[in-house]
All heavy atoms as atom14 arrays in JSON, in Angstrom:
{
  "sequence": "GIAPYGAEPWLAFLMASLSLGFVNALIKPVVTLISIPATIV",
  "atom14_mask": [
    [1, 1, 1, 1, 0, 0, 0, 0, 0, 0, 0, 0, 0, 0],
    [1, 1, 1, 1, 1, 1, 1, 1, 0, 0, 0, 0, 0, 0],
    [1, 1, 1, 1, 1, 0, 0, 0, 0, 0, 0, 0, 0, 0],
    [1, 1, 1, 1, 1, 1, 1, 0, 0, 0, 0, 0, 0, 0],
    [1, 1, 1, 1, 1, 1, 1, 1, 1, 1, 1, 1, 0, 0],
    [1, 1, 1, 1, 0, 0, 0, 0, 0, 0, 0, 0, 0, 0],
    [1, 1, 1, 1, 1, 0, 0, 0, 0, 0, 0, 0, 0, 0],
    [1, 1, 1, 1, 1, 1, 1, 1, 1, 0, 0, 0, 0, 0],
    [1, 1, 1, 1, 1, 1, 1, 0, 0, 0, 0, 0, 0, 0],
    [1, 1, 1, 1, 1, 1, 1, 1, 1, 1, 1, 1, 1, 1],
    [1, 1, 1, 1, 1, 1, 1, 1, 0, 0, 0, 0, 0, 0],
    [1, 1, 1, 1, 1, 0, 0, 0, 0, 0, 0, 0, 0, 0],
    [1, 1, 1, 1, 1, 1, 1, 1, 1, 1, 1, 0, 0, 0],
    [1, 1, 1, 1, 1, 1, 1, 1, 0, 0, 0, 0, 0, 0],
    [1, 1, 1, 1, 1, 1, 1, 1, 0, 0, 0, 0, 0, 0],
    [1, 1, 1, 1, 1, 0, 0, 0, 0, 0, 0, 0, 0, 0],
    [1, 1, 1, 1, 1, 1, 0, 0, 0, 0, 0, 0, 0, 0],
    [1, 1, 1, 1, 1, 1, 1, 1, 0, 0, 0, 0, 0, 0],
    [1, 1, 1, 1, 1, 1, 0, 0, 0, 0, 0, 0, 0, 0],
    [1, 1, 1, 1, 1, 1, 1, 1, 0, 0, 0, 0, 0, 0],
    [1, 1, 1, 1, 0, 0, 0, 0, 0, 0, 0, 0, 0, 0],
    [1, 1, 1, 1, 1, 1, 1, 1, 1, 1, 1, 0, 0, 0],
    [1, 1, 1, 1, 1, 1, 1, 0, 0, 0, 0, 0, 0, 0],
    [1, 1, 1, 1, 1, 1, 1, 1, 0, 0, 0, 0, 0, 0],
    [1, 1, 1, 1, 1, 0, 0, 0, 0, 0, 0, 0, 0, 0],
    [1, 1, 1, 1, 1, 1, 1, 1, 0, 0, 0, 0, 0, 0],
    [1, 1, 1, 1, 1, 1, 1, 1, 0, 0, 0, 0, 0, 0],
    [1, 1, 1, 1, 1, 1, 1, 1, 1, 0, 0, 0, 0, 0],
    [1, 1, 1, 1, 1, 1, 1, 0, 0, 0, 0, 0, 0, 0],
    [1, 1, 1, 1, 1, 1, 1, 0, 0, 0, 0, 0, 0, 0],
    [1, 1, 1, 1, 1, 1, 1, 0, 0, 0, 0, 0, 0, 0],
    [1, 1, 1, 1, 1, 1, 1, 0, 0, 0, 0, 0, 0, 0],
    [1, 1, 1, 1, 1, 1, 1, 1, 0, 0, 0, 0, 0, 0],
    [1, 1, 1, 1, 1, 1, 1, 1, 0, 0, 0, 0, 0, 0],
    [1, 1, 1, 1, 1, 1, 0, 0, 0, 0, 0, 0, 0, 0],
    [1, 1, 1, 1, 1, 1, 1, 1, 0, 0, 0, 0, 0, 0],
    [1, 1, 1, 1, 1, 1, 1, 0, 0, 0, 0, 0, 0, 0],
    [1, 1, 1, 1, 1, 0, 0, 0, 0, 0, 0, 0, 0, 0],
    [1, 1, 1, 1, 1, 1, 1, 0, 0, 0, 0, 0, 0, 0],
    [1, 1, 1, 1, 1, 1, 1, 1, 0, 0, 0, 0, 0, 0],
    [1, 1, 1, 1, 1, 1, 1, 0, 0, 0, 0, 0, 0, 0]
  ],
  "atom14_positions": [
    [[-24.02, 119.7, -129.79], [-24.45, 119.77, -131.18], [-24.55, 121.17, -131.7], [-24.92, 121.37, -132.85], [0.0, 0.0, 0.0], [0.0, 0.0, 0.0], [0.0, 0.0, 0.0], [0.0, 0.0, 0.0], [0.0, 0.0, 0.0], [0.0, 0.0, 0.0], [0.0, 0.0, 0.0], [0.0, 0.0, 0.0], [0.0, 0.0, 0.0], [0.0, 0.0, 0.0]],
    [[-24.2, 122.17, -130.89], [-24.19, 123.56, -131.35], [-22.8, 124.11, -131.05], [-22.33, 124.05, -129.92], [-25.27, 124.39, -130.65], [-26.62, 123.81, -130.99], [-25.15, 125.85, -131.01], [-27.77, 124.58, -130.51], [0.0, 0.0, 0.0], [0.0, 0.0, 0.0], [0.0, 0.0, 0.0], [0.0, 0.0, 0.0], [0.0, 0.0, 0.0], [0.0, 0.0, 0.0]],
    [[-22.16, 124.64, -132.09], [-20.79, 125.13, -131.92], [-20.56, 126.36, -132.78], [-21.14, 126.49, -133.86], [-19.8, 124.03, -132.31], [0.0, 0.0, 0.0], [0.0, 0.0, 0.0], [0.0, 0.0, 0.0], [0.0, 0.0, 0.0], [0.0, 0.0, 0.0], [0.0, 0.0, 0.0], [0.0, 0.0, 0.0], [0.0, 0.0, 0.0], [0.0, 0.0, 0.0]],
    [[-19.7, 127.27, -132.31], [-19.35, 128.42, -133.14], [-18.52, 127.99, -134.34], [-17.83, 126.97, -134.3], [-18.54, 129.32, -132.19], [-18.08, 128.42, -131.1], [-19.05, 127.29, -131.0], [0.0, 0.0, 0.0], [0.0, 0.0, 0.0], [0.0, 0.0, 0.0], [0.0, 0.0, 0.0], [0.0, 0.0, 0.0], [0.0, 0.0, 0.0], [0.0, 0.0, 0.0]],
    [[-18.6, 128.78, -135.41], [-17.92, 128.41, -136.65], [-17.4, 129.67, -137.35], [-18.09, 130.68, -137.41], [-18.9, 127.69, -137.59], [-18.35, 127.45, -138.97], [-17.53, 126.37, -139.22], [-18.64, 128.32, -140.01], [-17.01, 126.15, -140.48], [-18.14, 128.1, -141.28], [-17.32, 127.01, -141.51], [-16.81, 126.8, -142.75], [0.0, 0.0, 0.0], [0.0, 0.0, 0.0]],
    [[-16.2, 129.59, -137.88], [-15.71, 130.57, -138.81], [-15.03, 131.8, -138.26], [-14.49, 132.59, -139.01], [0.0, 0.0, 0.0], [0.0, 0.0, 0.0], [0.0, 0.0, 0.0], [0.0, 0.0, 0.0], [0.0, 0.0, 0.0], [0.0, 0.0, 0.0], [0.0, 0.0, 0.0], [0.0, 0.0, 0.0], [0.0, 0.0, 0.0], [0.0, 0.0, 0.0]],
    [[-15.05, 132.0, -136.95], [-14.42, 133.18, -136.37], [-14.24, 132.93, -134.88], [-14.51, 131.83, -134.39], [-15.29, 134.41, -136.59], [0.0, 0.0, 0.0], [0.0, 0.0, 0.0], [0.0, 0.0, 0.0], [0.0, 0.0, 0.0], [0.0, 0.0, 0.0], [0.0, 0.0, 0.0], [0.0, 0.0, 0.0], [0.0, 0.0, 0.0], [0.0, 0.0, 0.0]],
    [[-13.77, 133.95, -134.19], [-13.72, 133.85, -132.73], [-15.14, 133.57, -132.23], [-16.11, 134.05, -132.82], [-13.22, 135.18, -132.13], [-11.79, 135.5, -132.45], [-10.83, 134.56, -131.77], [-11.07, 134.18, -130.61], [-9.83, 134.2, -132.39], [0.0, 0.0, 0.0], [0.0, 0.0, 0.0], [0.0, 0.0, 0.0], [0.0, 0.0, 0.0], [0.0, 0.0, 0.0]],
    [[-15.27, 132.81, -131.15], [-16.62, 132.46, -130.68], [-17.53, 133.66, -130.44], [-18.7, 133.63, -130.82], [-16.36, 131.69, -129.39], [-15.02, 131.07, -129.59], [-14.24, 132.09, -130.4], [0.0, 0.0, 0.0], [0.0, 0.0, 0.0], [0.0, 0.0, 0.0], [0.0, 0.0, 0.0], [0.0, 0.0, 0.0], [0.0, 0.0, 0.0], [0.0, 0.0, 0.0]],
    [[-17.02, 134.73, -129.85], [-17.89, 135.87, -129.56], [-18.41, 136.5, -130.86], [-19.56, 136.92, -130.93], [-17.16, 136.91, -128.71], [-16.0, 137.59, -129.4], [-14.7, 137.19, -129.39], [-16.06, 138.76, -130.21], [-13.94, 138.04, -130.16], [-14.74, 139.02, -130.67], [-17.07, 139.63, -130.6], [-14.43, 140.09, -131.48], [-16.75, 140.69, -131.42], [-15.44, 140.93, -131.85]],
    [[-17.58, 136.53, -131.9], [-18.01, 137.07, -133.19], [-19.0, 136.13, -133.87], [-19.98, 136.57, -134.49], [-16.8, 137.33, -134.08], [-17.08, 138.01, -135.41], [-17.74, 139.38, -135.2], [-15.8, 138.17, -136.2], [0.0, 0.0, 0.0], [0.0, 0.0, 0.0], [0.0, 0.0, 0.0], [0.0, 0.0, 0.0], [0.0, 0.0, 0.0], [0.0, 0.0, 0.0]],
    [[-18.77, 134.82, -133.74], [-19.69, 133.84, -134.31], [-21.07, 133.96, -133.66], [-22.09, 133.93, -134.36], [-19.14, 132.44, -134.15], [0.0, 0.0, 0.0], [0.0, 0.0, 0.0], [0.0, 0.0, 0.0], [0.0, 0.0, 0.0], [0.0, 0.0, 0.0], [0.0, 0.0, 0.0], [0.0, 0.0, 0.0], [0.0, 0.0, 0.0], [0.0, 0.0, 0.0]],
    [[-21.1, 134.13, -132.35], [-22.38, 134.28, -131.66], [-23.07, 135.59, -132.04], [-24.29, 135.63, -132.2], [-22.19, 134.2, -130.14], [-21.67, 132.87, -129.66], [-20.67, 132.81, -128.69], [-22.15, 131.68, -130.16], [-20.18, 131.6, -128.26], [-21.67, 130.46, -129.74], [-20.68, 130.42, -128.78], [0.0, 0.0, 0.0], [0.0, 0.0, 0.0], [0.0, 0.0, 0.0]],
    [[-22.29, 136.63, -132.23], [-22.86, 137.92, -132.65], [-23.44, 137.82, -134.06], [-24.53, 138.32, -134.33], [-21.79, 139.01, -132.58], [-22.28, 140.43, -132.78], [-23.27, 140.82, -131.69], [-21.1, 141.38, -132.78], [0.0, 0.0, 0.0], [0.0, 0.0, 0.0], [0.0, 0.0, 0.0], [0.0, 0.0, 0.0], [0.0, 0.0, 0.0], [0.0, 0.0, 0.0]],
    [[-22.74, 137.15, -134.98], [-23.25, 136.99, -136.35], [-24.51, 136.12, -136.36], [-25.46, 136.39, -137.11], [-22.19, 136.37, -137.26], [-20.99, 137.26, -137.52], [-21.43, 138.82, -138.32], [-21.11, 139.98, -137.0], [0.0, 0.0, 0.0], [0.0, 0.0, 0.0], [0.0, 0.0, 0.0], [0.0, 0.0, 0.0], [0.0, 0.0, 0.0], [0.0, 0.0, 0.0]],
    [[-24.53, 135.09, -135.53], [-25.73, 134.25, -135.43], [-26.9, 135.06, -134.88], [-28.04, 134.92, -135.33], [-25.45, 133.04, -134.54], [0.0, 0.0, 0.0], [0.0, 0.0, 0.0], [0.0, 0.0, 0.0], [0.0, 0.0, 0.0], [0.0, 0.0, 0.0], [0.0, 0.0, 0.0], [0.0, 0.0, 0.0], [0.0, 0.0, 0.0], [0.0, 0.0, 0.0]],
    [[-26.62, 135.93, -133.91], [-27.65, 136.78, -133.35], [-28.2, 137.77, -134.38], [-29.42, 137.98, -134.46], [-27.07, 137.54, -132.14], [-27.99, 138.47, -131.66], [0.0, 0.0, 0.0], [0.0, 0.0, 0.0], [0.0, 0.0, 0.0], [0.0, 0.0, 0.0], [0.0, 0.0, 0.0], [0.0, 0.0, 0.0], [0.0, 0.0, 0.0], [0.0, 0.0, 0.0]],
    [[-27.32, 138.35, -135.17], [-27.78, 139.26, -136.23], [-28.63, 138.54, -137.27], [-29.67, 139.06, -137.69], [-26.57, 139.92, -136.92], [-25.89, 141.03, -136.15], [-24.59, 141.43, -136.84], [-26.8, 142.22, -136.02], [0.0, 0.0, 0.0], [0.0, 0.0, 0.0], [0.0, 0.0, 0.0], [0.0, 0.0, 0.0], [0.0, 0.0, 0.0], [0.0, 0.0, 0.0]],
    [[-28.21, 137.35, -137.67], [-29.0, 136.62, -138.66], [-30.32, 136.14, -138.06], [-31.33, 136.11, -138.75], [-28.2, 135.46, -139.25], [-27.86, 134.54, -138.27], [0.0, 0.0, 0.0], [0.0, 0.0, 0.0], [0.0, 0.0, 0.0], [0.0, 0.0, 0.0], [0.0, 0.0, 0.0], [0.0, 0.0, 0.0], [0.0, 0.0, 0.0], [0.0, 0.0, 0.0]],
    [[-30.33, 135.83, -136.77], [-31.59, 135.44, -136.11], [-32.55, 136.62, -136.05], [-33.76, 136.46, -136.29], [-31.3, 134.9, -134.71], [-32.48, 134.28, -133.95], [-33.04, 133.1, -134.72], [-32.03, 133.85, -132.57], [0.0, 0.0, 0.0], [0.0, 0.0, 0.0], [0.0, 0.0, 0.0], [0.0, 0.0, 0.0], [0.0, 0.0, 0.0], [0.0, 0.0, 0.0]],
    [[-32.04, 137.8, -135.78], [-32.88, 138.99, -135.81], [-33.45, 139.26, -137.19], [-34.63, 139.6, -137.34], [0.0, 0.0, 0.0], [0.0, 0.0, 0.0], [0.0, 0.0, 0.0], [0.0, 0.0, 0.0], [0.0, 0.0, 0.0], [0.0, 0.0, 0.0], [0.0, 0.0, 0.0], [0.0, 0.0, 0.0], [0.0, 0.0, 0.0], [0.0, 0.0, 0.0]],
    [[-32.64, 139.08, -138.23], [-33.08, 139.25, -139.6], [-34.18, 138.26, -139.95], [-35.23, 138.63, -140.5], [-31.88, 139.08, -140.54], [-32.23, 138.97, -141.99], [-32.56, 140.1, -142.71], [-32.24, 137.74, -142.63], [-32.89, 140.01, -144.06], [-32.57, 137.64, -143.96], [-32.89, 138.78, -144.68], [0.0, 0.0, 0.0], [0.0, 0.0, 0.0], [0.0, 0.0, 0.0]],
    [[-33.96, 136.99, -139.61], [-34.93, 135.94, -139.92], [-36.23, 136.18, -139.15], [-37.32, 136.06, -139.72], [-34.34, 134.55, -139.59], [-35.4, 133.47, -139.57], [-33.26, 134.19, -140.6], [0.0, 0.0, 0.0], [0.0, 0.0, 0.0], [0.0, 0.0, 0.0], [0.0, 0.0, 0.0], [0.0, 0.0, 0.0], [0.0, 0.0, 0.0], [0.0, 0.0, 0.0]],
    [[-36.12, 136.52, -137.87], [-37.34, 136.75, -137.08], [-38.12, 137.98, -137.53], [-39.34, 138.01, -137.39], [-36.98, 136.88, -135.6], [-36.71, 135.54, -134.96], [-37.11, 134.5, -135.46], [-36.0, 135.56, -133.84], [0.0, 0.0, 0.0], [0.0, 0.0, 0.0], [0.0, 0.0, 0.0], [0.0, 0.0, 0.0], [0.0, 0.0, 0.0], [0.0, 0.0, 0.0]],
    [[-37.44, 138.96, -138.09], [-38.13, 140.16, -138.54], [-38.76, 140.01, -139.91], [-39.86, 140.53, -140.15], [-37.16, 141.34, -138.55], [0.0, 0.0, 0.0], [0.0, 0.0, 0.0], [0.0, 0.0, 0.0], [0.0, 0.0, 0.0], [0.0, 0.0, 0.0], [0.0, 0.0, 0.0], [0.0, 0.0, 0.0], [0.0, 0.0, 0.0], [0.0, 0.0, 0.0]],
    [[-38.1, 139.29, -140.83], [-38.58, 139.25, -142.2], [-39.25, 137.95, -142.62], [-40.22, 137.98, -143.38], [-37.41, 139.54, -143.16], [-36.76, 140.91, -143.0], [-35.59, 141.05, -143.95], [-37.78, 142.01, -143.24], [0.0, 0.0, 0.0], [0.0, 0.0, 0.0], [0.0, 0.0, 0.0], [0.0, 0.0, 0.0], [0.0, 0.0, 0.0], [0.0, 0.0, 0.0]],
    [[-38.75, 136.83, -142.17], [-39.25, 135.55, -142.67], [-40.25, 134.9, -141.72], [-41.25, 134.35, -142.17], [-38.06, 134.61, -142.95], [-37.15, 135.25, -144.02], [-38.53, 133.23, -143.39], [-35.83, 134.59, -144.2], [0.0, 0.0, 0.0], [0.0, 0.0, 0.0], [0.0, 0.0, 0.0], [0.0, 0.0, 0.0], [0.0, 0.0, 0.0], [0.0, 0.0, 0.0]],
    [[-40.01, 135.0, -140.43], [-40.88, 134.33, -139.47], [-42.34, 134.78, -139.55], [-43.24, 133.94, -139.45], [-40.35, 134.5, -138.05], [-41.14, 133.71, -137.04], [-40.55, 133.84, -135.66], [-41.39, 133.05, -134.67], [-40.91, 133.26, -133.3], [0.0, 0.0, 0.0], [0.0, 0.0, 0.0], [0.0, 0.0, 0.0], [0.0, 0.0, 0.0], [0.0, 0.0, 0.0]],
    [[-42.64, 136.08, -139.73], [-44.07, 136.46, -139.83], [-44.79, 135.77, -140.99], [-45.95, 135.35, -140.85], [-44.02, 137.97, -140.04], [-42.73, 138.4, -139.45], [-41.79, 137.27, -139.7], [0.0, 0.0, 0.0], [0.0, 0.0, 0.0], [0.0, 0.0, 0.0], [0.0, 0.0, 0.0], [0.0, 0.0, 0.0], [0.0, 0.0, 0.0], [0.0, 0.0, 0.0]],
    [[-44.12, 135.6, -142.11], [-44.73, 134.94, -143.27], [-44.96, 133.46, -142.98], [-46.05, 132.92, -143.23], [-43.86, 135.13, -144.53], [-44.41, 134.34, -145.69], [-43.71, 136.59, -144.88], [0.0, 0.0, 0.0], [0.0, 0.0, 0.0], [0.0, 0.0, 0.0], [0.0, 0.0, 0.0], [0.0, 0.0, 0.0], [0.0, 0.0, 0.0], [0.0, 0.0, 0.0]],
    [[-43.96, 132.8, -142.4], [-44.09, 131.38, -142.09], [-45.15, 131.17, -141.01], [-45.93, 130.22, -141.07], [-42.72, 130.81, -141.65], [-42.85, 129.37, -141.16], [-41.72, 130.89, -142.78], [0.0, 0.0, 0.0], [0.0, 0.0, 0.0], [0.0, 0.0, 0.0], [0.0, 0.0, 0.0], [0.0, 0.0, 0.0], [0.0, 0.0, 0.0], [0.0, 0.0, 0.0]],
    [[-45.21, 132.07, -140.04], [-46.23, 131.97, -138.99], [-47.63, 132.11, -139.58], [-48.54, 131.37, -139.21], [-45.99, 133.03, -137.9], [-44.7, 132.83, -137.33], [-47.04, 132.96, -136.81], [0.0, 0.0, 0.0], [0.0, 0.0, 0.0], [0.0, 0.0, 0.0], [0.0, 0.0, 0.0], [0.0, 0.0, 0.0], [0.0, 0.0, 0.0], [0.0, 0.0, 0.0]],
    [[-47.79, 133.03, -140.5], [-49.09, 133.23, -141.15], [-49.5, 131.98, -141.94], [-50.65, 131.53, -141.87], [-49.04, 134.45, -142.06], [-50.34, 134.87, -142.7], [-51.34, 135.29, -141.64], [-50.09, 136.0, -143.67], [0.0, 0.0, 0.0], [0.0, 0.0, 0.0], [0.0, 0.0, 0.0], [0.0, 0.0, 0.0], [0.0, 0.0, 0.0], [0.0, 0.0, 0.0]],
    [[-48.55, 131.41, -142.67], [-48.85, 130.22, -143.46], [-49.17, 129.02, -142.56], [-49.99, 128.18, -142.92], [-47.65, 129.9, -144.39], [-47.53, 130.98, -145.45], [-47.79, 128.53, -145.04], [-46.25, 130.92, -146.26], [0.0, 0.0, 0.0], [0.0, 0.0, 0.0], [0.0, 0.0, 0.0], [0.0, 0.0, 0.0], [0.0, 0.0, 0.0], [0.0, 0.0, 0.0]],
    [[-48.54, 128.96, -141.39], [-48.71, 127.8, -140.52], [-49.84, 127.95, -139.51], [-49.94, 127.12, -138.59], [-47.4, 127.52, -139.78], [-47.12, 128.54, -138.86], [0.0, 0.0, 0.0], [0.0, 0.0, 0.0], [0.0, 0.0, 0.0], [0.0, 0.0, 0.0], [0.0, 0.0, 0.0], [0.0, 0.0, 0.0], [0.0, 0.0, 0.0], [0.0, 0.0, 0.0]],
    [[-50.7, 128.94, -139.66], [-51.8, 129.12, -138.72], [-52.68, 127.88, -138.58], [-53.01, 127.48, -137.47], [-52.64, 130.37, -139.07], [-51.86, 131.63, -138.65], [-53.99, 130.36, -138.38], [-52.52, 132.92, -139.05], [0.0, 0.0, 0.0], [0.0, 0.0, 0.0], [0.0, 0.0, 0.0], [0.0, 0.0, 0.0], [0.0, 0.0, 0.0], [0.0, 0.0, 0.0]],
    [[-53.06, 127.21, -139.68], [-53.89, 126.01, -139.51], [-53.21, 124.92, -138.65], [-53.84, 124.35, -137.77], [-54.12, 125.51, -140.94], [-53.96, 126.72, -141.79], [-52.92, 127.56, -141.11], [0.0, 0.0, 0.0], [0.0, 0.0, 0.0], [0.0, 0.0, 0.0], [0.0, 0.0, 0.0], [0.0, 0.0, 0.0], [0.0, 0.0, 0.0], [0.0, 0.0, 0.0]],
    [[-51.95, 124.66, -138.9], [-51.23, 123.65, -138.11], [-51.08, 124.1, -136.66], [-51.16, 123.3, -135.74], [-49.86, 123.38, -138.71], [0.0, 0.0, 0.0], [0.0, 0.0, 0.0], [0.0, 0.0, 0.0], [0.0, 0.0, 0.0], [0.0, 0.0, 0.0], [0.0, 0.0, 0.0], [0.0, 0.0, 0.0], [0.0, 0.0, 0.0], [0.0, 0.0, 0.0]],
    [[-50.88, 125.39, -136.44], [-50.75, 125.91, -135.08], [-52.06, 125.77, -134.34], [-52.08, 125.41, -133.16], [-50.31, 127.39, -135.12], [-49.07, 127.48, -135.83], [-50.11, 127.93, -133.73], [0.0, 0.0, 0.0], [0.0, 0.0, 0.0], [0.0, 0.0, 0.0], [0.0, 0.0, 0.0], [0.0, 0.0, 0.0], [0.0, 0.0, 0.0], [0.0, 0.0, 0.0]],
    [[-53.18, 126.01, -135.0], [-54.49, 125.88, -134.37], [-54.77, 124.42, -134.03], [-55.21, 124.09, -132.92], [-55.59, 126.48, -135.25], [-55.45, 128.0, -135.3], [-56.98, 126.08, -134.76], [-56.35, 128.69, -136.31], [0.0, 0.0, 0.0], [0.0, 0.0, 0.0], [0.0, 0.0, 0.0], [0.0, 0.0, 0.0], [0.0, 0.0, 0.0], [0.0, 0.0, 0.0]],
    [[-54.51, 123.53, -134.97], [-54.78, 122.1, -134.76], [-53.95, 121.56, -133.59], [-54.42, 120.75, -132.8], [-54.52, 121.3, -136.06], [-54.5, 119.8, -135.8], [-55.56, 121.65, -137.1], [0.0, 0.0, 0.0], [0.0, 0.0, 0.0], [0.0, 0.0, 0.0], [0.0, 0.0, 0.0], [0.0, 0.0, 0.0], [0.0, 0.0, 0.0], [0.0, 0.0, 0.0]]
  ]
}
């Protein structure tokens, strides 16, 4: 259910890695902060 898309597989994995780094650096802290009550429960 997980497959590379749009380029050579190594480039697709590299682009996914870059976007994952971006998401984890900028968006995940905000979502984690908002989800603290659910995480505690």
